[in-house]
Amino acid sequence: MNYLNAFASVNKMNTNEILAQRFYRFFKYTRNVALITFIVFFILNAINTGNSILYWICYGCLMVSIVGAMQSVLLYVLSKYYKKR
């Protein structure tokens, strides 16, 4: 018996509801990370005047925000899928 099934049997919840809740919680976290790094990207990009270190920091922030946005969309879709099952 794995952890999710043991937890579901104790709390009278099925595994799909537990997975939906976990995906939704992690979706909120990744959404916030993506938004914060996108704001940091805009601020650093506005004050960058050709510094190569700031360029790479901006590039890293942009990549983190894009990946975070894609992750949050995927987690949201997965949470809605498991909630309906």
PDB file of N, CA and C in Angstrom:
ATOM      1  N   MET A   1       0.848  -1.174   0.000  1.00  0.00           N
ATOM      2  CA  MET A   1       0.000   0.000   0.000  1.00  0.00           C
ATOM      3  C   MET A   1       0.894   1.238   0.000  1.00  0.00           C
ATOM      4  N   ASN A   2       0.721   2.087  -0.994  1.00  0.00           N
ATOM      5  CA  ASN A   2       1.571   3.269  -1.042  1.00  0.00           C
ATOM      6  C   ASN A   2       1.000   4.381  -0.165  1.00  0.00           C
ATOM      7  N   TYR A   3       1.740   5.472  -0.107  1.00  0.00           N
ATOM      8  CA  TYR A   3       1.391   6.571   0.795  1.00  0.00           C
ATOM      9  C   TYR A   3       0.045   7.194   0.448  1.00  0.00           C
ATOM     10  N   LEU A   4      -0.218   7.419  -0.838  1.00  0.00           N
ATOM     11  CA  LEU A   4      -1.465   8.078  -1.224  1.00  0.00           C
ATOM     12  C   LEU A   4      -2.680   7.224  -0.894  1.00  0.00           C
ATOM     13  N   ASN A   5      -2.590   5.928  -1.128  1.00  0.00           N
ATOM     14  CA  ASN A   5      -3.728   5.065  -0.814  1.00  0.00           C
ATOM     15  C   ASN A   5      -3.941   4.964   0.686  1.00  0.00           C
ATOM     16  N   ALA A   6      -2.872   4.924   1.467  1.00  0.00           N
ATOM     17  CA  ALA A   6      -3.015   4.876   2.919  1.00  0.00           C
ATOM     18  C   ALA A   6      -3.650   6.161   3.426  1.00  0.00           C
ATOM     19  N   PHE A   7      -3.237   7.306   2.889  1.00  0.00           N
ATOM     20  CA  PHE A   7      -3.800   8.585   3.301  1.00  0.00           C
ATOM     21  C   PHE A   7      -5.263   8.685   2.900  1.00  0.00           C
ATOM     22  N   ALA A   8      -5.603   8.190   1.730  1.00  0.00           N
ATOM     23  CA  ALA A   8      -6.981   8.251   1.255  1.00  0.00           C
ATOM     24  C   ALA A   8      -7.887   7.363   2.088  1.00  0.00           C
ATOM     25  N   SER A   9      -7.398   6.221   2.522  1.00  0.00           N
ATOM     26  CA  SER A   9      -8.252   5.330   3.299  1.00  0.00           C
ATOM     27  C   SER A   9      -8.512   5.893   4.689  1.00  0.00           C
ATOM     28  N   VAL A  10      -7.566   6.635   5.242  1.00  0.00           N
ATOM     29  CA  VAL A  10      -7.759   7.216   6.559  1.00  0.00           C
ATOM     30  C   VAL A  10      -8.718   8.396   6.493  1.00  0.00           C
ATOM     31  N   ASN A  11      -8.583   9.233   5.497  1.00  0.00           N
ATOM     32  CA  ASN A  11      -9.385  10.452   5.412  1.00  0.00           C
ATOM     33  C   ASN A  11     -10.613  10.329   4.528  1.00  0.00           C
ATOM     34  N   LYS A  12     -10.915   9.150   4.047  1.00  0.00           N
ATOM     35  CA  LYS A  12     -12.083   8.909   3.198  1.00  0.00           C
ATOM     36  C   LYS A  12     -12.047   9.754   1.923  1.00  0.00           C
ATOM     37  N   MET A  13     -10.844   9.979   1.404  1.00  0.00           N
ATOM     38  CA  MET A  13     -10.693  10.704   0.154  1.00  0.00           C
ATOM     39  C   MET A  13     -10.064   9.752  -0.850  1.00  0.00           C
ATOM     40  N   ASN A  14     -10.392   9.938  -2.093  1.00  0.00           N
ATOM     41  CA  ASN A  14      -9.752   9.082  -3.074  1.00  0.00           C
ATOM     42  C   ASN A  14      -8.440   9.704  -3.539  1.00  0.00           C
ATOM     43  N   THR A  15      -7.655   8.923  -4.231  1.00  0.00           N
ATOM     44  CA  THR A  15      -6.323   9.334  -4.642  1.00  0.00           C
ATOM     45  C   THR A  15      -6.371  10.501  -5.616  1.00  0.00           C
ATOM     46  N   ASN A  16      -7.376  10.543  -6.464  1.00  0.00           N
ATOM     47  CA  ASN A  16      -7.471  11.626  -7.444  1.00  0.00           C
ATOM     48  C   ASN A  16      -7.682  12.988  -6.783  1.00  0.00           C
ATOM     49  N   GLU A  17      -8.470  13.031  -5.729  1.00  0.00           N
ATOM     50  CA  GLU A  17      -8.684  14.296  -5.025  1.00  0.00           C
ATOM     51  C   GLU A  17      -7.406  14.770  -4.350  1.00  0.00           C
ATOM     52  N   ILE A  18      -6.656  13.844  -3.799  1.00  0.00           N
ATOM     53  CA  ILE A  18      -5.394  14.202  -3.143  1.00  0.00           C
ATOM     54  C   ILE A  18      -4.410  14.734  -4.173  1.00  0.00           C
ATOM     55  N   LEU A  19      -4.310  14.061  -5.320  1.00  0.00           N
ATOM     56  CA  LEU A  19      -3.415  14.525  -6.369  1.00  0.00           C
ATOM     57  C   LEU A  19      -3.846  15.893  -6.882  1.00  0.00           C
ATOM     58  N   ALA A  20      -5.138  16.105  -7.026  1.00  0.00           N
ATOM     59  CA  ALA A  20      -5.638  17.399  -7.501  1.00  0.00           C
ATOM     60  C   ALA A  20      -5.265  18.514  -6.525  1.00  0.00           C
ATOM     61  N   GLN A  21      -5.406  18.248  -5.227  1.00  0.00           N
ATOM     62  CA  GLN A  21      -5.043  19.253  -4.227  1.00  0.00           C
ATOM     63  C   GLN A  21      -3.552  19.551  -4.255  1.00  0.00           C
ATOM     64  N   ARG A  22      -2.714  18.525  -4.381  1.00  0.00           N
ATOM     65  CA  ARG A  22      -1.262  18.735  -4.395  1.00  0.00           C
ATOM     66  C   ARG A  22      -0.830  19.497  -5.650  1.00  0.00           C
ATOM     67  N   PHE A  23      -1.382  19.134  -6.796  1.00  0.00           N
ATOM     68  CA  PHE A  23      -1.042  19.853  -8.019  1.00  0.00           C
ATOM     69  C   PHE A  23      -1.476  21.313  -7.933  1.00  0.00           C
ATOM     70  N   TYR A  24      -2.653  21.568  -7.346  1.00  0.00           N
ATOM     71  CA  TYR A  24      -3.138  22.939  -7.244  1.00  0.00           C
ATOM     72  C   TYR A  24      -2.271  23.764  -6.305  1.00  0.00           C
ATOM     73  N   ARG A  25      -1.839  23.174  -5.192  1.00  0.00           N
ATOM     74  CA  ARG A  25      -0.957  23.893  -4.261  1.00  0.00           C
ATOM     75  C   ARG A  25       0.374  24.229  -4.910  1.00  0.00           C
ATOM     76  N   PHE A  26       0.943  23.275  -5.636  1.00  0.00           N
ATOM     77  CA  PHE A  26       2.213  23.532  -6.297  1.00  0.00           C
ATOM     78  C   PHE A  26       2.046  24.502  -7.458  1.00  0.00           C
ATOM     79  N   PHE A  27       0.861  24.506  -8.092  1.00  0.00           N
ATOM     80  CA  PHE A  27       0.559  25.490  -9.139  1.00  0.00           C
ATOM     81  C   PHE A  27       0.622  26.896  -8.580  1.00  0.00           C
ATOM     82  N   LYS A  28       0.066  27.115  -7.393  1.00  0.00           N
ATOM     83  CA  LYS A  28       0.090  28.452  -6.806  1.00  0.00           C
ATOM     84  C   LYS A  28       1.519  28.894  -6.513  1.00  0.00           C
ATOM     85  N   TYR A  29       2.355  27.973  -6.058  1.00  0.00           N
ATOM     86  CA  TYR A  29       3.752  28.289  -5.773  1.00  0.00           C
ATOM     87  C   TYR A  29       4.508  28.646  -7.052  1.00  0.00           C
ATOM     88  N   THR A  30       4.380  27.836  -8.092  1.00  0.00           N
ATOM     89  CA  THR A  30       5.113  28.117  -9.332  1.00  0.00           C
ATOM     90  C   THR A  30       4.599  29.381 -10.016  1.00  0.00           C
ATOM     91  N   ARG A  31       3.310  29.670  -9.873  1.00  0.00           N
ATOM     92  CA  ARG A  31       2.758  30.908 -10.431  1.00  0.00           C
ATOM     93  C   ARG A  31       3.401  32.120  -9.771  1.00  0.00           C
ATOM     94  N   ASN A  32       3.539  32.076  -8.456  1.00  0.00           N
ATOM     95  CA  ASN A  32       4.147  33.201  -7.745  1.00  0.00           C
ATOM     96  C   ASN A  32       5.618  33.366  -8.112  1.00  0.00           C
ATOM     97  N   VAL A  33       6.337  32.257  -8.231  1.00  0.00           N
ATOM     98  CA  VAL A  33       7.752  32.324  -8.617  1.00  0.00           C
ATOM     99  C   VAL A  33       7.889  32.917 -10.015  1.00  0.00           C
ATOM    100  N   ALA A  34       7.040  32.500 -10.937  1.00  0.00           N
ATOM    101  CA  ALA A  34       7.092  33.023 -12.304  1.00  0.00           C
ATOM    102  C   ALA A  34       6.792  34.514 -12.331  1.00  0.00           C
ATOM    103  N   LEU A  35       5.803  34.960 -11.579  1.00  0.00           N
ATOM    104  CA  LEU A  35       5.470  36.380 -11.561  1.00  0.00           C
ATOM    105  C   LEU A  35       6.582  37.225 -10.955  1.00  0.00           C
ATOM    106  N   ILE A  36       7.177  36.758  -9.872  1.00  0.00           N
ATOM    107  CA  ILE A  36       8.247  37.515  -9.221  1.00  0.00           C
ATOM    108  C   ILE A  36       9.470  37.614 -10.128  1.00  0.00           C
ATOM    109  N   THR A  37       9.849  36.508 -10.758  1.00  0.00           N
ATOM    110  CA  THR A  37      11.025  36.576 -11.627  1.00  0.00           C
ATOM    111  C   THR A  37      10.752  37.412 -12.880  1.00  0.00           C
ATOM    112  N   PHE A  38       9.509  37.450 -13.345  1.00  0.00           N
ATOM    113  CA  PHE A  38       9.178  38.293 -14.493  1.00  0.00           C
ATOM    114  C   PHE A  38       9.281  39.768 -14.117  1.00  0.00           C
ATOM    115  N   ILE A  39       8.838  40.112 -12.915  1.00  0.00           N
ATOM    116  CA  ILE A  39       8.953  41.498 -12.443  1.00  0.00           C
ATOM    117  C   ILE A  39      10.418  41.880 -12.260  1.00  0.00           C
ATOM    118  N   VAL A  40      11.210  40.965 -11.689  1.00  0.00           N
ATOM    119  CA  VAL A  40      12.646  41.220 -11.533  1.00  0.00           C
ATOM    120  C   VAL A  40      13.302  41.382 -12.898  1.00  0.00           C
ATOM    121  N   PHE A  41      12.894  40.585 -13.872  1.00  0.00           N
ATOM    122  CA  PHE A  41      13.423  40.730 -15.232  1.00  0.00           C
ATOM    123  C   PHE A  41      13.153  42.114 -15.785  1.00  0.00           C
ATOM    124  N   PHE A  42      11.924  42.613 -15.642  1.00  0.00           N
ATOM    125  CA  PHE A  42      11.605  43.937 -16.165  1.00  0.00           C
ATOM    126  C   PHE A  42      12.406  45.029 -15.471  1.00  0.00           C
ATOM    127  N   ILE A  43      12.551  44.923 -14.156  1.00  0.00           N
ATOM    128  CA  ILE A  43      13.296  45.946 -13.419  1.00  0.00           C
ATOM    129  C   ILE A  43      14.770  45.933 -13.830  1.00  0.00           C
ATOM    130  N   LEU A  44      15.370  44.747 -13.864  1.00  0.00           N
ATOM    131  CA  LEU A  44      16.782  44.665 -14.234  1.00  0.00           C
ATOM    132  C   LEU A  44      17.010  45.048 -15.693  1.00  0.00           C
ATOM    133  N   ASN A  45      16.084  44.713 -16.549  1.00  0.00           N
ATOM    134  CA  ASN A  45      16.209  45.074 -17.954  1.00  0.00           C
ATOM    135  C   ASN A  45      16.098  46.589 -18.140  1.00  0.00           C
ATOM    136  N   ALA A  46      15.323  47.247 -17.306  1.00  0.00           N
ATOM    137  CA  ALA A  46      15.173  48.701 -17.410  1.00  0.00           C
ATOM    138  C   ALA A  46      16.432  49.428 -16.968  1.00  0.00           C
ATOM    139  N   ILE A  47      17.140  48.896 -15.978  1.00  0.00           N
ATOM    140  CA  ILE A  47      18.330  49.597 -15.479  1.00  0.00           C
ATOM    141  C   ILE A  47      19.619  49.099 -16.128  1.00  0.00           C
ATOM    142  N   ASN A  48      19.535  48.081 -16.974  1.00  0.00           N
ATOM    143  CA  ASN A  48      20.738  47.550 -17.614  1.00  0.00           C
ATOM    144  C   ASN A  48      21.201  48.499 -18.723  1.00  0.00           C
ATOM    145  N   THR A  49      22.460  48.878 -18.646  1.00  0.00           N
ATOM    146  CA  THR A  49      23.018  49.792 -19.651  1.00  0.00           C
ATOM    147  C   THR A  49      24.174  49.146 -20.403  1.00  0.00           C
ATOM    148  N   GLY A  50      24.087  47.865 -20.647  1.00  0.00           N
ATOM    149  CA  GLY A  50      25.129  47.176 -21.395  1.00  0.00           C
ATOM    150  C   GLY A  50      26.049  46.324 -20.548  1.00  0.00           C
ATOM    151  N   ASN A  51      25.737  46.170 -19.290  1.00  0.00           N
ATOM    152  CA  ASN A  51      26.553  45.338 -18.416  1.00  0.00           C
ATOM    153  C   ASN A  51      26.285  43.865 -18.735  1.00  0.00           C
ATOM    154  N   SER A  52      27.345  43.108 -18.972  1.00  0.00           N
ATOM    155  CA  SER A  52      27.135  41.712 -19.378  1.00  0.00           C
ATOM    156  C   SER A  52      26.647  40.840 -18.221  1.00  0.00           C
ATOM    157  N   ILE A  53      27.027  41.175 -16.994  1.00  0.00           N
ATOM    158  CA  ILE A  53      26.550  40.385 -15.848  1.00  0.00           C
ATOM    159  C   ILE A  53      25.050  40.577 -15.673  1.00  0.00           C
ATOM    160  N   LEU A  54      24.591  41.819 -15.771  1.00  0.00           N
ATOM    161  CA  LEU A  54      23.145  42.068 -15.677  1.00  0.00           C
ATOM    162  C   LEU A  54      22.396  41.437 -16.834  1.00  0.00           C
ATOM    163  N   TYR A  55      23.024  41.372 -17.995  1.00  0.00           N
ATOM    164  CA  TYR A  55      22.390  40.713 -19.140  1.00  0.00           C
ATOM    165  C   TYR A  55      22.126  39.246 -18.831  1.00  0.00           C
ATOM    166  N   TRP A  56      23.108  38.558 -18.270  1.00  0.00           N
ATOM    167  CA  TRP A  56      22.922  37.139 -17.967  1.00  0.00           C
ATOM    168  C   TRP A  56      21.948  36.914 -16.816  1.00  0.00           C
ATOM    169  N   ILE A  57      21.924  37.835 -15.870  1.00  0.00           N
ATOM    170  CA  ILE A  57      20.928  37.735 -14.792  1.00  0.00           C
ATOM    171  C   ILE A  57      19.531  37.938 -15.366  1.00  0.00           C
ATOM    172  N   CYS A  58      19.376  38.910 -16.270  1.00  0.00           N
ATOM    173  CA  CYS A  58      18.076  39.132 -16.927  1.00  0.00           C
ATOM    174  C   CYS A  58      17.658  37.910 -17.738  1.00  0.00           C
ATOM    175  N   TYR A  59      18.612  37.348 -18.452  1.00  0.00           N
ATOM    176  CA  TYR A  59      18.329  36.163 -19.253  1.00  0.00           C
ATOM    177  C   TYR A  59      17.893  34.996 -18.358  1.00  0.00           C
ATOM    178  N   GLY A  60      18.563  34.810 -17.231  1.00  0.00           N
ATOM    179  CA  GLY A  60      18.182  33.757 -16.289  1.00  0.00           C
ATOM    180  C   GLY A  60      16.795  33.986 -15.713  1.00  0.00           C
ATOM    181  N   CYS A  61      16.495  35.233 -15.364  1.00  0.00           N
ATOM    182  CA  CYS A  61      15.158  35.552 -14.840  1.00  0.00           C
ATOM    183  C   CYS A  61      14.085  35.294 -15.883  1.00  0.00           C
ATOM    184  N   LEU A  62      14.383  35.637 -17.129  1.00  0.00           N
ATOM    185  CA  LEU A  62      13.408  35.399 -18.188  1.00  0.00           C
ATOM    186  C   LEU A  62      13.170  33.909 -18.396  1.00  0.00           C
ATOM    187  N   MET A  63      14.228  33.116 -18.371  1.00  0.00           N
ATOM    188  CA  MET A  63      14.078  31.668 -18.550  1.00  0.00           C
ATOM    189  C   MET A  63      13.307  31.051 -17.381  1.00  0.00           C
ATOM    190  N   VAL A  64      13.613  31.487 -16.159  1.00  0.00           N
ATOM    191  CA  VAL A  64      12.896  30.964 -14.991  1.00  0.00           C
ATOM    192  C   VAL A  64      11.425  31.338 -15.058  1.00  0.00           C
ATOM    193  N   SER A  65      11.122  32.558 -15.494  1.00  0.00           N
ATOM    194  CA  SER A  65       9.711  32.966 -15.564  1.00  0.00           C
ATOM    195  C   SER A  65       8.970  32.214 -16.657  1.00  0.00           C
ATOM    196  N   ILE A  66       9.618  31.954 -17.791  1.00  0.00           N
ATOM    197  CA  ILE A  66       8.955  31.195 -18.866  1.00  0.00           C
ATOM    198  C   ILE A  66       8.703  29.761 -18.424  1.00  0.00           C
ATOM    199  N   VAL A  67       9.712  29.126 -17.834  1.00  0.00           N
ATOM    200  CA  VAL A  67       9.538  27.745 -17.367  1.00  0.00           C
ATOM    201  C   VAL A  67       8.504  27.685 -16.249  1.00  0.00           C
ATOM    202  N   GLY A  68       8.531  28.656 -15.344  1.00  0.00           N
ATOM    203  CA  GLY A  68       7.539  28.690 -14.266  1.00  0.00           C
ATOM    204  C   GLY A  68       6.126  28.867 -14.779  1.00  0.00           C
ATOM    205  N   ALA A  69       5.972  29.690 -15.809  1.00  0.00           N
ATOM    206  CA  ALA A  69       4.641  29.891 -16.388  1.00  0.00           C
ATOM    207  C   ALA A  69       4.141  28.617 -17.054  1.00  0.00           C
ATOM    208  N   MET A  70       5.026  27.946 -17.796  1.00  0.00           N
ATOM    209  CA  MET A  70       4.614  26.690 -18.440  1.00  0.00           C
ATOM    210  C   MET A  70       4.290  25.622 -17.397  1.00  0.00           C
ATOM    211  N   GLN A  71       5.091  25.553 -16.346  1.00  0.00           N
ATOM    212  CA  GLN A  71       4.826  24.585 -15.279  1.00  0.00           C
ATOM    213  C   GLN A  71       3.510  24.874 -14.593  1.00  0.00           C
ATOM    214  N   SER A  72       3.239  26.137 -14.304  1.00  0.00           N
ATOM    215  CA  SER A  72       2.007  26.452 -13.594  1.00  0.00           C
ATOM    216  C   SER A  72       0.775  26.138 -14.435  1.00  0.00           C
ATOM    217  N   VAL A  73       0.849  26.377 -15.742  1.00  0.00           N
ATOM    218  CA  VAL A  73      -0.276  26.036 -16.617  1.00  0.00           C
ATOM    219  C   VAL A  73      -0.479  24.517 -16.631  1.00  0.00           C
ATOM    220  N   LEU A  74       0.605  23.773 -16.758  1.00  0.00           N
ATOM    221  CA  LEU A  74       0.507  22.312 -16.777  1.00  0.00           C
ATOM    222  C   LEU A  74      -0.039  21.774 -15.456  1.00  0.00           C
ATOM    223  N   LEU A  75       0.426  22.304 -14.339  1.00  0.00           N
ATOM    224  CA  LEU A  75      -0.068  21.845 -13.039  1.00  0.00           C
ATOM    225  C   LEU A  75      -1.533  22.199 -12.840  1.00  0.00           C
ATOM    226  N   TYR A  76      -1.959  23.360 -13.333  1.00  0.00           N
ATOM    227  CA  TYR A  76      -3.359  23.742 -13.224  1.00  0.00           C
ATOM    228  C   TYR A  76      -4.239  22.795 -14.032  1.00  0.00           C
ATOM    229  N   VAL A  77      -3.803  22.470 -15.236  1.00  0.00           N
ATOM    230  CA  VAL A  77      -4.570  21.541 -16.078  1.00  0.00           C
ATOM    231  C   VAL A  77      -4.623  20.161 -15.434  1.00  0.00           C
ATOM    232  N   LEU A  78      -3.502  19.697 -14.882  1.00  0.00           N
ATOM    233  CA  LEU A  78      -3.492  18.398 -14.207  1.00  0.00           C
ATOM    234  C   LEU A  78      -4.398  18.389 -12.980  1.00  0.00           C
ATOM    235  N   SER A  79      -4.400  19.485 -12.226  1.00  0.00           N
ATOM    236  CA  SER A  79      -5.265  19.512 -11.037  1.00  0.00           C
ATOM    237  C   SER A  79      -6.736  19.476 -11.424  1.00  0.00           C
ATOM    238  N   LYS A  80      -7.107  20.176 -12.495  1.00  0.00           N
ATOM    239  CA  LYS A  80      -8.503  20.136 -12.944  1.00  0.00           C
ATOM    240  C   LYS A  80      -8.864  18.758 -13.503  1.00  0.00           C
ATOM    241  N   TYR A  81      -7.906  18.120 -14.173  1.00  0.00           N
ATOM    242  CA  TYR A  81      -8.146  16.784 -14.715  1.00  0.00           C
ATOM    243  C   TYR A  81      -8.389  15.774 -13.593  1.00  0.00           C
ATOM    244  N   TYR A  82      -7.542  15.792 -12.572  1.00  0.00           N
ATOM    245  CA  TYR A  82      -7.700  14.828 -11.483  1.00  0.00           C
ATOM    246  C   TYR A  82      -8.895  15.157 -10.602  1.00  0.00           C
ATOM    247  N   LYS A  83      -9.297  16.410 -10.567  1.00  0.00           N
ATOM    248  CA  LYS A  83     -10.477  16.768  -9.779  1.00  0.00           C
ATOM    249  C   LYS A  83     -11.744  16.205 -10.422  1.00  0.00           C
ATOM    250  N   LYS A  84     -11.780  16.153 -11.765  1.00  0.00           N
ATOM    251  CA  LYS A  84     -12.957  15.625 -12.460  1.00  0.00           C
ATOM    252  C   LYS A  84     -13.003  14.104 -12.444  1.00  0.00           C
ATOM    253  N   ARG A  85     -11.863  13.457 -12.299  1.00  0.00           N
ATOM    254  CA  ARG A  85     -11.829  11.988 -12.315  1.00  0.00           C
ATOM    255  C   ARG A  85     -12.372  11.382 -11.069  1.00  0.00           C
TER     256      ARG A  85
END
